[in-house]
Protein backbone atom coordinates (compact mmCIF):
# COMPACT_ATOMS: atom_id res chain seq x y z
CA UNK A 1 0.00 0.00 0.00
CA UNK A 2 1.22 3.47 -0.73
CA UNK A 3 -0.11 6.80 0.43
CA UNK A 4 -0.54 9.73 -1.91
CA UNK A 5 -2.20 13.13 -1.80
CA UNK A 6 -2.85 12.81 -5.52
CA UNK A 7 -5.81 10.77 -6.73
CA UNK A 8 -5.01 8.67 -9.80
CA UNK A 9 -5.92 5.02 -9.63
CA UNK A 10 -9.64 4.73 -10.28
CA UNK A 11 -11.45 2.03 -8.40
CA UNK A 12 -8.32 0.97 -6.53
CA UNK A 13 -8.29 4.04 -4.35
CA UNK A 14 -10.07 4.61 -1.10
CA UNK A 15 -10.41 8.09 0.32
CA UNK A 16 -10.62 8.84 3.98
CA UNK A 17 -10.19 12.02 5.98
CA UNK A 18 -7.87 12.63 8.89
CA UNK A 19 -8.14 15.88 10.79
CA UNK A 20 -9.16 18.18 7.87
CA UNK A 21 -6.67 16.50 5.54
CA UNK A 22 -7.76 14.11 2.84
CA UNK A 23 -5.44 11.18 2.26
CA UNK A 24 -5.57 8.87 -0.73
CA UNK A 25 -4.75 5.28 0.01
CA UNK A 26 -3.60 3.33 -3.04
CA UNK A 27 -3.80 -0.42 -2.54
CA UNK A 28 -2.03 -2.68 -5.01
CA UNK A 29 -2.42 -6.44 -5.02
CA UNK A 30 0.69 -8.43 -5.84
CA UNK A 31 1.18 -9.94 -9.26
CA UNK A 32 0.52 -13.59 -10.04
CA UNK A 33 2.32 -15.90 -7.63
CA UNK A 34 3.19 -19.56 -7.99
CA UNK A 35 0.26 -20.60 -5.77
CA UNK A 36 -2.13 -18.95 -8.27
CA UNK A 37 -1.15 -21.37 -11.03
CA UNK A 38 -3.52 -24.25 -11.82
CA UNK A 39 -0.47 -26.55 -11.87
CA UNK A 40 0.58 -25.57 -8.33
CA UNK A 41 1.22 -28.47 -5.95
CA UNK A 42 0.60 -27.74 -2.27
CA UNK A 43 3.64 -29.88 -1.48
CA UNK A 44 5.72 -27.13 -3.12
CA UNK A 45 4.23 -24.37 -0.97
CA UNK A 46 6.82 -22.10 0.61
CA UNK A 47 6.12 -20.78 4.10
CA UNK A 48 7.63 -17.98 6.18
CA UNK A 49 9.97 -18.98 8.99
CA UNK A 50 7.77 -17.39 11.69
CA UNK A 51 7.92 -19.59 14.76
CA UNK A 52 4.41 -18.71 15.97
CA UNK A 53 2.33 -18.54 12.78
CA UNK A 54 4.07 -19.40 9.50
CA UNK A 55 2.18 -18.18 6.43
CA UNK A 56 2.31 -19.02 2.73
CA UNK A 57 5.16 -17.10 1.10
CA UNK A 58 5.17 -18.00 -2.58
CA UNK A 59 7.12 -15.92 -5.11
CA UNK A 60 5.92 -14.13 -8.22
CA UNK A 61 5.82 -16.02 -11.49
CA UNK A 62 7.31 -14.53 -14.67
CA UNK A 63 3.79 -13.29 -15.45
CA UNK A 64 3.56 -11.82 -11.94
CA UNK A 65 6.81 -9.90 -12.47
CA UNK A 66 5.42 -8.61 -15.77
CA UNK A 67 2.22 -7.52 -13.99
CA UNK A 68 4.27 -5.79 -11.29
CA UNK A 69 6.13 -3.90 -14.01
CA UNK A 70 2.84 -2.82 -15.58
CA UNK A 71 1.42 -1.49 -12.32
CA UNK A 72 4.74 0.23 -11.60
CA UNK A 73 4.56 1.94 -14.99
CA UNK A 74 0.95 2.97 -14.29
CA UNK A 75 1.93 4.51 -10.93
CA UNK A 76 5.26 6.02 -12.05
CA UNK A 77 3.96 9.61 -12.04
CA UNK A 78 1.86 9.37 -8.88
CA UNK A 79 3.32 11.32 -5.97
CA UNK A 80 3.58 9.14 -2.90
CA UNK A 81 4.48 10.21 0.61
CA UNK A 82 4.66 6.81 2.21
CA UNK A 83 5.23 3.33 0.83
CA UNK A 84 4.31 0.22 2.79
CA UNK A 85 4.36 -3.42 1.76
CA UNK A 86 3.69 -6.77 3.29
CA UNK A 87 6.87 -8.68 3.99
CA UNK A 88 5.64 -11.62 1.93
CA UNK A 89 7.88 -12.14 -1.10
CA UNK A 90 5.22 -11.67 -3.78
CA UNK A 91 4.00 -8.38 -2.26
CA UNK A 92 7.50 -7.11 -1.47
CA UNK A 93 8.72 -7.77 -5.03
CA UNK A 94 5.67 -5.98 -6.46
CA UNK A 95 6.35 -2.99 -4.18
CA UNK A 96 10.01 -2.93 -5.21
CA UNK A 97 8.98 -2.70 -8.88
CA UNK A 98 6.88 0.35 -8.00
CA UNK A 99 9.76 1.85 -6.00
CA UNK A 100 12.18 1.48 -8.93
CA UNK A 101 9.74 3.28 -11.26
CA UNK A 102 8.59 6.07 -8.97
CA UNK A 103 10.95 8.94 -8.12
CA UNK A 104 8.68 10.21 -5.31
CA UNK A 105 9.36 7.08 -3.24
CA UNK A 106 12.70 6.80 -1.48
CA UNK A 107 11.84 3.53 0.21
CA UNK A 108 9.10 1.03 0.88
CA UNK A 109 8.72 -0.07 4.48
CA UNK A 110 7.95 -3.61 5.50
CA UNK A 111 4.62 -3.81 7.32
CA UNK A 112 3.30 -7.15 8.62
CA UNK A 113 -0.11 -5.54 9.15
CA UNK A 114 -0.47 -5.82 5.36
CA UNK A 115 -0.14 -9.58 5.34
CA UNK A 116 -3.06 -11.49 3.92
CA UNK A 117 -5.15 -13.70 6.13
CA UNK A 118 -3.25 -16.69 7.47
CA UNK A 119 -5.21 -19.89 6.89
CA UNK A 120 -3.01 -21.95 9.22
CA UNK A 121 -3.49 -25.70 8.90
CA UNK A 122 -5.88 -25.11 5.97
CA UNK A 123 -3.15 -23.49 3.80
CA UNK A 124 -2.28 -26.88 2.32
CA UNK A 125 -5.83 -28.30 2.40
CA UNK A 126 -7.50 -26.55 -0.54
CA UNK A 127 -10.82 -28.41 -0.37
CA UNK A 128 -11.17 -27.73 3.37
CA UNK A 129 -10.23 -24.08 2.78
CA UNK A 130 -12.93 -23.72 0.11
CA UNK A 131 -15.46 -25.22 2.54
CA UNK A 132 -14.33 -22.73 5.20
CA UNK A 133 -14.88 -19.84 2.78
CA UNK A 134 -18.34 -21.16 1.91
CA UNK A 135 -19.35 -21.31 5.58
CA UNK A 136 -17.93 -17.83 6.26
CA UNK A 137 -19.69 -16.44 3.21
CA UNK A 138 -23.04 -17.65 4.55
CA UNK A 139 -22.69 -15.71 7.83
CA UNK A 140 -24.15 -12.19 7.68
CA UNK A 141 -22.98 -11.07 11.12
CA UNK A 142 -19.20 -10.81 10.62
CA UNK A 143 -18.72 -10.47 14.41
CA UNK A 144 -19.58 -14.17 14.68
CA UNK A 145 -16.57 -15.10 12.55
CA UNK A 146 -14.16 -15.18 15.47
CA UNK A 147 -13.23 -18.84 15.11
CA UNK A 148 -9.50 -18.94 14.55
CA UNK A 149 -8.23 -21.58 12.18
CA UNK A 150 -5.55 -23.56 14.08
CA UNK A 151 -2.25 -21.80 13.38
CA UNK A 152 -4.07 -19.07 11.46
CA UNK A 153 -6.40 -16.08 11.65
CA UNK A 154 -10.12 -15.58 12.06
CA UNK A 155 -12.07 -13.09 9.96
CA UNK A 156 -12.24 -10.89 13.08
CA UNK A 157 -8.42 -11.09 13.43
CA UNK A 158 -8.03 -9.86 9.85
CA UNK A 159 -10.51 -7.02 10.42
CA UNK A 160 -8.66 -5.90 13.57
CA UNK A 161 -5.32 -5.97 11.74
CA UNK A 162 -6.85 -3.91 8.91
CA UNK A 163 -8.13 -1.34 11.42
CA UNK A 164 -4.69 -1.15 13.03
CA UNK A 165 -3.16 -0.55 9.59
CA UNK A 166 -5.60 2.27 8.82
CA UNK A 167 -4.89 3.89 12.19
CA UNK A 168 -1.15 3.66 11.47
CA UNK A 169 -1.60 5.28 8.06
CA UNK A 170 -3.79 8.04 9.53
CA UNK A 171 -1.21 8.76 12.22
CA UNK A 172 1.67 8.85 9.79
CA UNK A 173 -0.22 10.93 7.21
CA UNK A 174 -0.32 13.98 9.44
């Protein structure tokens, strides 16, 4: 995610106001990663080395690197004041492509708050994970989704991390 006071990226921007100042939050999803391929084998899944909660950490494919270059080109003239990226390889490499193309960014900071949801023991059990998503999708009251997948995150955990990220961005945008 990168913060800009200039609005340029259509539906991928979200505006919010902090103390009389409008901040534009530009959110970029990483390019295609190896786990997105139909030929991906879960046995080949790479994980972070976190002792507490390892999470899938697959790299970009050649196509993903091409996509990262395209988004970097698209954002090359956007003025950014803060650059943040998940520490996961696919997100970090996408952010680095943007950094190389954008003279307004001096650095991109690693931010674990930007990590995707950790599916714990379900990371390597695709059918069980799809069933989990189906059950969660049927629940209207998101507050009820506090069941934490063993070794992973609940929907409520992800929401709280997202709120913490937005508070961090608001604080730093002043």
